[in-house]
């Protein structure tokens, strides 16, 4: 082996500290995430691809999956718009109680999801003080998902808005650009990656939500039962392979959504 080759190999060797940190991170990630997910995927295929497909296409499982994915898409789109609007107000506007509102945005993160479900049932259930009864309806499911996923978009867009250079907006205004043109050509392109990331996080959280929906939905099969609750029912019925199959399908949907958003962001950066 030549001296040049030896020096080349020496240059590519990781420092001891970096190698130790990388090994610890990979080991921890494997134990906490990769191995459990791999086991669930293996369990879902215990009866072969045919058994997997049969488990996810049973009438109750398919109805739960359809409701969950459809509601999650709707929730992600609503939060994309409203979360961006709230982030804009918190960054660009001044009003009394702004700090309190900013703190309340994180409340769904802090509350146990079952408590969130109880709060929503009290406010929008049969004894609602507001006179609005959404209990045991699909609208109630959407409301619960909106509640727990709103912070994802707000907290993803907010830092980008804070760091956004307002001199570009002022320059555009001085050149005669309208507010709409400035937003469309300067602000929106800078916000779009964060908006898409927040939307993807809201979607993936929605398809996995359990606690906030189990009370207000009433867990009615073929009507308001979401996929996470159906998985729990499968486990209670000692159908672990069926529960694993539904879980694996949700995992695949979440991965596809995250990869699609990443590709869109790469395409956007490439297009400038």
C-alpha atoms as a PDB file:
ATOM      1  CA  UNK A   1       0.000   0.000   0.000  1.00  0.00           C
ATOM      2  CA  UNK A   2       1.419   3.398  -0.965  1.00  0.00           C
ATOM      3  CA  UNK A   3       2.036   6.215   1.456  1.00  0.00           C
ATOM      4  CA  UNK A   4      -0.595   8.313  -0.346  1.00  0.00           C
ATOM      5  CA  UNK A   5      -3.254   5.639   0.197  1.00  0.00           C
ATOM      6  CA  UNK A   6      -2.340   5.352   3.886  1.00  0.00           C
ATOM      7  CA  UNK A   7      -2.654   9.112   4.318  1.00  0.00           C
ATOM      8  CA  UNK A   8      -6.003   9.040   2.485  1.00  0.00           C
ATOM      9  CA  UNK A   9      -7.356   6.392   4.842  1.00  0.00           C
ATOM     10  CA  UNK A  10      -6.056   8.317   7.836  1.00  0.00           C
ATOM     11  CA  UNK A  11      -7.880  11.439   6.680  1.00  0.00           C
ATOM     12  CA  UNK A  12     -11.221   9.580   6.440  1.00  0.00           C
ATOM     13  CA  UNK A  13     -10.883   8.014   9.888  1.00  0.00           C
ATOM     14  CA  UNK A  14     -13.285   9.524  12.430  1.00  0.00           C
ATOM     15  CA  UNK A  15     -11.807  11.165  15.562  1.00  0.00           C
ATOM     16  CA  UNK A  16     -12.332   9.063  18.683  1.00  0.00           C
ATOM     17  CA  UNK A  17     -14.843  11.511  20.170  1.00  0.00           C
ATOM     18  CA  UNK A  18     -16.876  11.669  16.956  1.00  0.00           C
ATOM     19  CA  UNK A  19     -16.901   7.882  16.562  1.00  0.00           C
ATOM     20  CA  UNK A  20     -18.004   7.407  20.177  1.00  0.00           C
ATOM     21  CA  UNK A  21     -20.774   9.979  19.856  1.00  0.00           C
ATOM     22  CA  UNK A  22     -21.968   8.558  16.538  1.00  0.00           C
ATOM     23  CA  UNK A  23     -21.978   5.014  17.918  1.00  0.00           C
ATOM     24  CA  UNK A  24     -23.913   6.068  21.023  1.00  0.00           C
ATOM     25  CA  UNK A  25     -26.472   7.955  18.923  1.00  0.00           C
ATOM     26  CA  UNK A  26     -26.978   5.023  16.546  1.00  0.00           C
ATOM     27  CA  UNK A  27     -27.272   2.554  19.447  1.00  0.00           C
ATOM     28  CA  UNK A  28     -29.804   4.719  21.274  1.00  0.00           C
ATOM     29  CA  UNK A  29     -31.804   5.359  18.093  1.00  0.00           C
ATOM     30  CA  UNK A  30     -31.827   1.633  17.333  1.00  0.00           C
ATOM     31  CA  UNK A  31     -33.008   0.627  20.798  1.00  0.00           C
ATOM     32  CA  UNK A  32     -35.679   3.307  21.073  1.00  0.00           C
ATOM     33  CA  UNK A  33     -36.930   3.630  17.481  1.00  0.00           C
ATOM     34  CA  UNK A  34     -35.557   1.307  14.833  1.00  0.00           C
ATOM     35  CA  UNK A  35     -35.772  -2.072  16.590  1.00  0.00           C
ATOM     36  CA  UNK A  36     -39.336  -1.528  17.935  1.00  0.00           C
ATOM     37  CA  UNK A  37     -40.534  -0.350  14.511  1.00  0.00           C
ATOM     38  CA  UNK A  38     -38.834  -3.272  12.802  1.00  0.00           C
ATOM     39  CA  UNK A  39     -40.510  -5.671  15.231  1.00  0.00           C
ATOM     40  CA  UNK A  40     -43.931  -4.170  14.538  1.00  0.00           C
ATOM     41  CA  UNK A  41     -43.350  -4.473  10.782  1.00  0.00           C
ATOM     42  CA  UNK A  42     -42.190  -8.087  11.216  1.00  0.00           C
ATOM     43  CA  UNK A  43     -45.220  -8.883  13.376  1.00  0.00           C
ATOM     44  CA  UNK A  44     -47.552  -7.416  10.751  1.00  0.00           C
ATOM     45  CA  UNK A  45     -46.184  -9.870   8.165  1.00  0.00           C
ATOM     46  CA  UNK A  46     -46.417 -12.880  10.466  1.00  0.00           C
ATOM     47  CA  UNK A  47     -49.204 -14.314   8.330  1.00  0.00           C
ATOM     48  CA  UNK A  48     -47.667 -13.175   5.052  1.00  0.00           C
ATOM     49  CA  UNK A  49     -48.616 -10.328   2.696  1.00  0.00           C
ATOM     50  CA  UNK A  50     -52.084 -11.812   2.257  1.00  0.00           C
ATOM     51  CA  UNK A  51     -52.676 -11.773   5.996  1.00  0.00           C
ATOM     52  CA  UNK A  52     -51.396  -8.200   6.193  1.00  0.00           C
ATOM     53  CA  UNK A  53     -53.797  -7.035   3.485  1.00  0.00           C
ATOM     54  CA  UNK A  54     -56.687  -8.944   5.041  1.00  0.00           C
ATOM     55  CA  UNK A  55     -56.034  -7.271   8.405  1.00  0.00           C
ATOM     56  CA  UNK A  56     -56.035  -3.711   7.067  1.00  0.00           C
ATOM     57  CA  UNK A  57     -59.045  -4.227   4.796  1.00  0.00           C
ATOM     58  CA  UNK A  58     -61.487  -5.626   7.338  1.00  0.00           C
ATOM     59  CA  UNK A  59     -64.566  -3.379   7.313  1.00  0.00           C
ATOM     60  CA  UNK A  60     -63.929  -1.814  10.725  1.00  0.00           C
ATOM     61  CA  UNK A  61     -60.186  -1.323  10.179  1.00  0.00           C
ATOM     62  CA  UNK A  62     -60.660   0.164   6.706  1.00  0.00           C
ATOM     63  CA  UNK A  63     -63.360   2.541   7.953  1.00  0.00           C
ATOM     64  CA  UNK A  64     -61.081   3.673  10.795  1.00  0.00           C
ATOM     65  CA  UNK A  65     -58.127   4.169   8.434  1.00  0.00           C
ATOM     66  CA  UNK A  66     -60.231   6.099   5.921  1.00  0.00           C
ATOM     67  CA  UNK A  67     -61.589   8.401   8.622  1.00  0.00           C
ATOM     68  CA  UNK A  68     -58.165   8.908  10.195  1.00  0.00           C
ATOM     69  CA  UNK A  69     -56.296   9.737   6.993  1.00  0.00           C
ATOM     70  CA  UNK A  70     -59.102  11.913   5.611  1.00  0.00           C
ATOM     71  CA  UNK A  71     -59.490  13.859   8.853  1.00  0.00           C
ATOM     72  CA  UNK A  72     -55.713  14.216   9.167  1.00  0.00           C
ATOM     73  CA  UNK A  73     -55.414  15.705   5.674  1.00  0.00           C
ATOM     74  CA  UNK A  74     -58.197  18.185   6.455  1.00  0.00           C
ATOM     75  CA  UNK A  75     -56.625  19.091   9.798  1.00  0.00           C
ATOM     76  CA  UNK A  76     -53.184  19.567   8.231  1.00  0.00           C
ATOM     77  CA  UNK A  77     -54.587  21.922   5.571  1.00  0.00           C
ATOM     78  CA  UNK A  78     -56.581  23.969   8.104  1.00  0.00           C
ATOM     79  CA  UNK A  79     -53.604  24.257  10.419  1.00  0.00           C
ATOM     80  CA  UNK A  80     -51.370  25.197   7.488  1.00  0.00           C
ATOM     81  CA  UNK A  81     -53.473  28.320   6.976  1.00  0.00           C
ATOM     82  CA  UNK A  82     -54.504  29.147  10.537  1.00  0.00           C
ATOM     83  CA  UNK A  83     -51.171  28.206  12.101  1.00  0.00           C
ATOM     84  CA  UNK A  84     -49.343  30.486   9.668  1.00  0.00           C
ATOM     85  CA  UNK A  85     -51.818  33.281  10.374  1.00  0.00           C
ATOM     86  CA  UNK A  86     -51.383  32.907  14.148  1.00  0.00           C
ATOM     87  CA  UNK A  87     -47.597  32.853  13.796  1.00  0.00           C
ATOM     88  CA  UNK A  88     -47.797  36.032  11.696  1.00  0.00           C
ATOM     89  CA  UNK A  89     -49.935  37.793  14.310  1.00  0.00           C
ATOM     90  CA  UNK A  90     -47.627  36.751  17.153  1.00  0.00           C
ATOM     91  CA  UNK A  91     -44.514  37.996  15.331  1.00  0.00           C
ATOM     92  CA  UNK A  92     -45.690  41.066  13.408  1.00  0.00           C
ATOM     93  CA  UNK A  93     -48.517  42.498  15.545  1.00  0.00           C
ATOM     94  CA  UNK A  94     -48.630  44.040  19.003  1.00  0.00           C
ATOM     95  CA  UNK A  95     -51.674  43.684  21.231  1.00  0.00           C
ATOM     96  CA  UNK A  96     -52.504  43.339  24.940  1.00  0.00           C
ATOM     97  CA  UNK A  97     -52.066  39.796  26.217  1.00  0.00           C
ATOM     98  CA  UNK A  98     -49.731  38.773  23.405  1.00  0.00           C
ATOM     99  CA  UNK A  99     -47.431  36.946  25.824  1.00  0.00           C
ATOM    100  CA  UNK A 100     -50.346  34.991  27.261  1.00  0.00           C
ATOM    101  CA  UNK A 101     -51.514  33.933  23.797  1.00  0.00           C
ATOM    102  CA  UNK A 102     -47.974  32.926  22.870  1.00  0.00           C
ATOM    103  CA  UNK A 103     -47.789  30.743  25.988  1.00  0.00           C
ATOM    104  CA  UNK A 104     -51.200  29.169  25.400  1.00  0.00           C
ATOM    105  CA  UNK A 105     -50.095  27.950  21.971  1.00  0.00           C
ATOM    106  CA  UNK A 106     -47.918  25.369  23.725  1.00  0.00           C
ATOM    107  CA  UNK A 107     -50.754  24.154  25.968  1.00  0.00           C
ATOM    108  CA  UNK A 108     -51.596  21.132  23.776  1.00  0.00           C
ATOM    109  CA  UNK A 109     -47.959  20.040  24.153  1.00  0.00           C
ATOM    110  CA  UNK A 110     -48.177  20.197  27.944  1.00  0.00           C
ATOM    111  CA  UNK A 111     -51.617  18.683  28.480  1.00  0.00           C
ATOM    112  CA  UNK A 112     -52.019  14.897  28.547  1.00  0.00           C
ATOM    113  CA  UNK A 113     -54.094  14.120  25.470  1.00  0.00           C
ATOM    114  CA  UNK A 114     -56.780  12.377  27.508  1.00  0.00           C
ATOM    115  CA  UNK A 115     -57.206  15.632  29.473  1.00  0.00           C
ATOM    116  CA  UNK A 116     -57.547  17.497  26.180  1.00  0.00           C
ATOM    117  CA  UNK A 117     -60.287  15.061  25.188  1.00  0.00           C
ATOM    118  CA  UNK A 118     -62.066  15.632  28.495  1.00  0.00           C
ATOM    119  CA  UNK A 119     -61.863  19.408  28.080  1.00  0.00           C
ATOM    120  CA  UNK A 120     -63.249  19.218  24.543  1.00  0.00           C
ATOM    121  CA  UNK A 121     -66.048  16.883  25.656  1.00  0.00           C
ATOM    122  CA  UNK A 122     -66.996  19.302  28.437  1.00  0.00           C
ATOM    123  CA  UNK A 123     -67.048  22.268  26.060  1.00  0.00           C
ATOM    124  CA  UNK A 124     -68.545  20.626  22.982  1.00  0.00           C
ATOM    125  CA  UNK A 125     -70.409  17.642  24.423  1.00  0.00           C
ATOM    126  CA  UNK A 126     -74.074  17.054  25.292  1.00  0.00           C
ATOM    127  CA  UNK A 127     -73.895  19.506  28.220  1.00  0.00           C
ATOM    128  CA  UNK A 128     -71.914  22.140  26.326  1.00  0.00           C
ATOM    129  CA  UNK A 129     -72.093  25.621  27.900  1.00  0.00           C
ATOM    130  CA  UNK A 130     -71.673  26.976  24.372  1.00  0.00           C
ATOM    131  CA  UNK A 131     -74.734  25.145  23.068  1.00  0.00           C
ATOM    132  CA  UNK A 132     -72.635  23.224  20.510  1.00  0.00           C
ATOM    133  CA  UNK A 133     -72.754  19.431  20.659  1.00  0.00           C
ATOM    134  CA  UNK A 134     -70.042  17.759  18.568  1.00  0.00           C
ATOM    135  CA  UNK A 135     -69.712  14.646  20.700  1.00  0.00           C
ATOM    136  CA  UNK A 136     -69.688  11.311  18.861  1.00  0.00           C
ATOM    137  CA  UNK A 137     -69.428  13.003  15.465  1.00  0.00           C
ATOM    138  CA  UNK A 138     -66.681  13.224  12.871  1.00  0.00           C
ATOM    139  CA  UNK A 139     -66.635  16.984  13.371  1.00  0.00           C
ATOM    140  CA  UNK A 140     -65.669  16.296  16.983  1.00  0.00           C
ATOM    141  CA  UNK A 141     -62.798  14.113  15.798  1.00  0.00           C
ATOM    142  CA  UNK A 142     -61.537  16.908  13.530  1.00  0.00           C
ATOM    143  CA  UNK A 143     -61.850  19.406  16.377  1.00  0.00           C
ATOM    144  CA  UNK A 144     -59.784  17.201  18.698  1.00  0.00           C
ATOM    145  CA  UNK A 145     -57.080  16.780  16.064  1.00  0.00           C
ATOM    146  CA  UNK A 146     -57.011  20.520  15.392  1.00  0.00           C
ATOM    147  CA  UNK A 147     -56.494  21.159  19.084  1.00  0.00           C
ATOM    148  CA  UNK A 148     -53.503  18.850  19.511  1.00  0.00           C
ATOM    149  CA  UNK A 149     -51.736  19.705  16.232  1.00  0.00           C
ATOM    150  CA  UNK A 150     -52.032  23.500  16.020  1.00  0.00           C
ATOM    151  CA  UNK A 151     -48.687  24.209  17.776  1.00  0.00           C
ATOM    152  CA  UNK A 152     -46.732  22.240  15.182  1.00  0.00           C
ATOM    153  CA  UNK A 153     -47.352  24.762  12.402  1.00  0.00           C
ATOM    154  CA  UNK A 154     -47.171  27.838  14.637  1.00  0.00           C
ATOM    155  CA  UNK A 155     -43.878  26.861  16.268  1.00  0.00           C
ATOM    156  CA  UNK A 156     -42.356  25.833  12.936  1.00  0.00           C
ATOM    157  CA  UNK A 157     -43.258  29.027  11.084  1.00  0.00           C
ATOM    158  CA  UNK A 158     -42.687  31.481  13.938  1.00  0.00           C
ATOM    159  CA  UNK A 159     -38.846  31.318  14.062  1.00  0.00           C
ATOM    160  CA  UNK A 160     -38.629  31.792  10.294  1.00  0.00           C
ATOM    161  CA  UNK A 161     -40.811  34.881  10.506  1.00  0.00           C
ATOM    162  CA  UNK A 162     -38.658  36.268  13.311  1.00  0.00           C
ATOM    163  CA  UNK A 163     -35.479  35.808  11.256  1.00  0.00           C
ATOM    164  CA  UNK A 164     -37.010  37.053   8.008  1.00  0.00           C
ATOM    165  CA  UNK A 165     -35.242  40.192   6.769  1.00  0.00           C
ATOM    166  CA  UNK A 166     -37.864  42.938   6.593  1.00  0.00           C
ATOM    167  CA  UNK A 167     -35.529  45.130   4.559  1.00  0.00           C
ATOM    168  CA  UNK A 168     -36.491  43.065   1.508  1.00  0.00           C
ATOM    169  CA  UNK A 169     -40.153  43.868   2.101  1.00  0.00           C
ATOM    170  CA  UNK A 170     -39.397  47.560   2.484  1.00  0.00           C
ATOM    171  CA  UNK A 171     -37.318  47.502  -0.693  1.00  0.00           C
ATOM    172  CA  UNK A 172     -40.153  45.837  -2.587  1.00  0.00           C
ATOM    173  CA  UNK A 173     -42.623  48.430  -1.266  1.00  0.00           C
ATOM    174  CA  UNK A 174     -40.304  51.256  -2.321  1.00  0.00           C
ATOM    175  CA  UNK A 175     -40.249  49.782  -5.837  1.00  0.00           C
ATOM    176  CA  UNK A 176     -44.037  49.923  -5.992  1.00  0.00           C
ATOM    177  CA  UNK A 177     -44.955  46.359  -5.051  1.00  0.00           C
ATOM    178  CA  UNK A 178     -48.328  45.916  -3.385  1.00  0.00           C
ATOM    179  CA  UNK A 179     -48.721  44.093  -0.084  1.00  0.00           C
ATOM    180  CA  UNK A 180     -50.061  41.059  -1.930  1.00  0.00           C
ATOM    181  CA  UNK A 181     -47.133  41.033  -4.364  1.00  0.00           C
ATOM    182  CA  UNK A 182     -44.643  41.386  -1.520  1.00  0.00           C
ATOM    183  CA  UNK A 183     -46.239  38.504   0.357  1.00  0.00           C
ATOM    184  CA  UNK A 184     -46.463  36.276  -2.706  1.00  0.00           C
ATOM    185  CA  UNK A 185     -42.981  36.893  -4.089  1.00  0.00           C
ATOM    186  CA  UNK A 186     -40.861  37.543  -0.990  1.00  0.00           C
ATOM    187  CA  UNK A 187     -42.501  36.340   2.212  1.00  0.00           C
ATOM    188  CA  UNK A 188     -44.291  33.195   1.042  1.00  0.00           C
ATOM    189  CA  UNK A 189     -41.266  31.574  -0.677  1.00  0.00           C
ATOM    190  CA  UNK A 190     -39.252  32.008   2.523  1.00  0.00           C
ATOM    191  CA  UNK A 191     -42.060  30.638   4.698  1.00  0.00           C
ATOM    192  CA  UNK A 192     -43.075  27.745   2.474  1.00  0.00           C
ATOM    193  CA  UNK A 193     -40.463  25.188   3.686  1.00  0.00           C
ATOM    194  CA  UNK A 194     -41.425  25.811   7.323  1.00  0.00           C
ATOM    195  CA  UNK A 195     -45.136  25.752   6.483  1.00  0.00           C
ATOM    196  CA  UNK A 196     -44.790  22.404   4.720  1.00  0.00           C
ATOM    197  CA  UNK A 197     -42.752  20.973   7.580  1.00  0.00           C
ATOM    198  CA  UNK A 198     -45.341  22.080  10.113  1.00  0.00           C
ATOM    199  CA  UNK A 199     -48.136  20.668   7.977  1.00  0.00           C
ATOM    200  CA  UNK A 200     -46.349  17.315   7.692  1.00  0.00           C
ATOM    201  CA  UNK A 201     -45.794  17.172  11.448  1.00  0.00           C
ATOM    202  CA  UNK A 202     -49.468  18.004  12.059  1.00  0.00           C
ATOM    203  CA  UNK A 203     -50.545  15.286   9.636  1.00  0.00           C
ATOM    204  CA  UNK A 204     -48.306  12.592  11.102  1.00  0.00           C
ATOM    205  CA  UNK A 205     -49.377  13.491  14.646  1.00  0.00           C
ATOM    206  CA  UNK A 206     -53.040  13.379  13.615  1.00  0.00           C
ATOM    207  CA  UNK A 207     -52.932   9.869  12.167  1.00  0.00           C
ATOM    208  CA  UNK A 208     -51.422   8.582  15.422  1.00  0.00           C
ATOM    209  CA  UNK A 209     -53.656  10.471  17.862  1.00  0.00           C
ATOM    210  CA  UNK A 210     -55.477   8.469  20.517  1.00  0.00           C
ATOM    211  CA  UNK A 211     -56.163  10.259  23.797  1.00  0.00           C
ATOM    212  CA  UNK A 212     -57.890  13.424  22.607  1.00  0.00           C
ATOM    213  CA  UNK A 213     -60.230  11.555  20.254  1.00  0.00           C
ATOM    214  CA  UNK A 214     -61.252   8.552  22.341  1.00  0.00           C
ATOM    215  CA  UNK A 215     -63.686  10.514  24.537  1.00  0.00           C
ATOM    216  CA  UNK A 216     -65.254  13.009  22.139  1.00  0.00           C
ATOM    217  CA  UNK A 217     -65.539  10.469  19.308  1.00  0.00           C
ATOM    218  CA  UNK A 218     -67.369   7.878  21.385  1.00  0.00           C
ATOM    219  CA  UNK A 219     -65.365   5.154  19.600  1.00  0.00           C
ATOM    220  CA  UNK A 220     -68.232   4.222  17.286  1.00  0.00           C
ATOM    221  CA  UNK A 221     -67.085   1.643  14.686  1.00  0.00           C
ATOM    222  CA  UNK A 222     -67.723   2.651  11.051  1.00  0.00           C
ATOM    223  CA  UNK A 223     -68.590   6.186  12.184  1.00  0.00           C
ATOM    224  CA  UNK A 224     -66.150   7.904  14.555  1.00  0.00           C
ATOM    225  CA  UNK A 225     -63.558   5.264  15.448  1.00  0.00           C
ATOM    226  CA  UNK A 226     -60.047   6.398  14.504  1.00  0.00           C
ATOM    227  CA  UNK A 227     -57.200   4.067  13.604  1.00  0.00           C
ATOM    228  CA  UNK A 228     -55.371   4.361  16.933  1.00  0.00           C
ATOM    229  CA  UNK A 229     -58.494   3.352  18.838  1.00  0.00           C
ATOM    230  CA  UNK A 230     -59.100   0.491  16.407  1.00  0.00           C
ATOM    231  CA  UNK A 231     -55.548  -0.718  17.057  1.00  0.00           C
ATOM    232  CA  UNK A 232     -56.256  -0.671  20.786  1.00  0.00           C
ATOM    233  CA  UNK A 233     -59.432  -2.664  20.182  1.00  0.00           C
ATOM    234  CA  UNK A 234     -57.465  -5.213  18.143  1.00  0.00           C
ATOM    235  CA  UNK A 235     -54.990  -5.632  21.002  1.00  0.00           C
ATOM    236  CA  UNK A 236     -57.820  -6.060  23.499  1.00  0.00           C
ATOM    237  CA  UNK A 237     -59.186  -8.774  21.214  1.00  0.00           C
ATOM    238  CA  UNK A 238     -55.779 -10.523  21.267  1.00  0.00           C
ATOM    239  CA  UNK A 239     -55.251  -9.838  17.547  1.00  0.00           C
ATOM    240  CA  UNK A 240     -51.671  -8.608  17.723  1.00  0.00           C
ATOM    241  CA  UNK A 241     -50.882  -9.279  14.073  1.00  0.00           C
ATOM    242  CA  UNK A 242     -53.918  -7.252  12.984  1.00  0.00           C
ATOM    243  CA  UNK A 243     -52.948  -4.379  15.285  1.00  0.00           C
ATOM    244  CA  UNK A 244     -49.380  -4.521  13.952  1.00  0.00           C
ATOM    245  CA  UNK A 245     -50.631  -4.475  10.344  1.00  0.00           C
ATOM    246  CA  UNK A 246     -52.694  -1.324  10.896  1.00  0.00           C
ATOM    247  CA  UNK A 247     -49.801   0.273  12.776  1.00  0.00           C
ATOM    248  CA  UNK A 248     -47.393  -0.549   9.960  1.00  0.00           C
ATOM    249  CA  UNK A 249     -49.713   0.966   7.378  1.00  0.00           C
ATOM    250  CA  UNK A 250     -49.925   4.177   9.415  1.00  0.00           C
ATOM    251  CA  UNK A 251     -46.137   4.163   9.662  1.00  0.00           C
ATOM    252  CA  UNK A 252     -45.841   3.833   5.883  1.00  0.00           C
ATOM    253  CA  UNK A 253     -48.299   6.693   5.327  1.00  0.00           C
ATOM    254  CA  UNK A 254     -46.361   8.910   7.760  1.00  0.00           C
ATOM    255  CA  UNK A 255     -43.036   8.113   6.087  1.00  0.00           C
ATOM    256  CA  UNK A 256     -44.467   8.812   2.630  1.00  0.00           C
ATOM    257  CA  UNK A 257     -45.813  12.168   3.828  1.00  0.00           C
ATOM    258  CA  UNK A 258     -42.481  13.191   5.372  1.00  0.00           C
ATOM    259  CA  UNK A 259     -40.495  12.086   2.312  1.00  0.00           C
ATOM    260  CA  UNK A 260     -42.899  13.917  -0.020  1.00  0.00           C
ATOM    261  CA  UNK A 261     -42.517  17.147   1.961  1.00  0.00           C
ATOM    262  CA  UNK A 262     -38.726  16.759   1.964  1.00  0.00           C
ATOM    263  CA  UNK A 263     -38.718  16.297  -1.819  1.00  0.00           C
ATOM    264  CA  UNK A 264     -40.945  19.358  -2.253  1.00  0.00           C
ATOM    265  CA  UNK A 265     -38.585  21.418  -0.119  1.00  0.00           C
ATOM    266  CA  UNK A 266     -35.571  20.231  -2.108  1.00  0.00           C
ATOM    267  CA  UNK A 267     -37.359  21.052  -5.353  1.00  0.00           C
ATOM    268  CA  UNK A 268     -38.255  24.499  -4.012  1.00  0.00           C
ATOM    269  CA  UNK A 269     -34.663  25.229  -3.002  1.00  0.00           C
ATOM    270  CA  UNK A 270     -33.473  24.036  -6.415  1.00  0.00           C
ATOM    271  CA  UNK A 271     -35.950  26.334  -8.133  1.00  0.00           C
ATOM    272  CA  UNK A 272     -34.921  29.219  -5.879  1.00  0.00           C
END
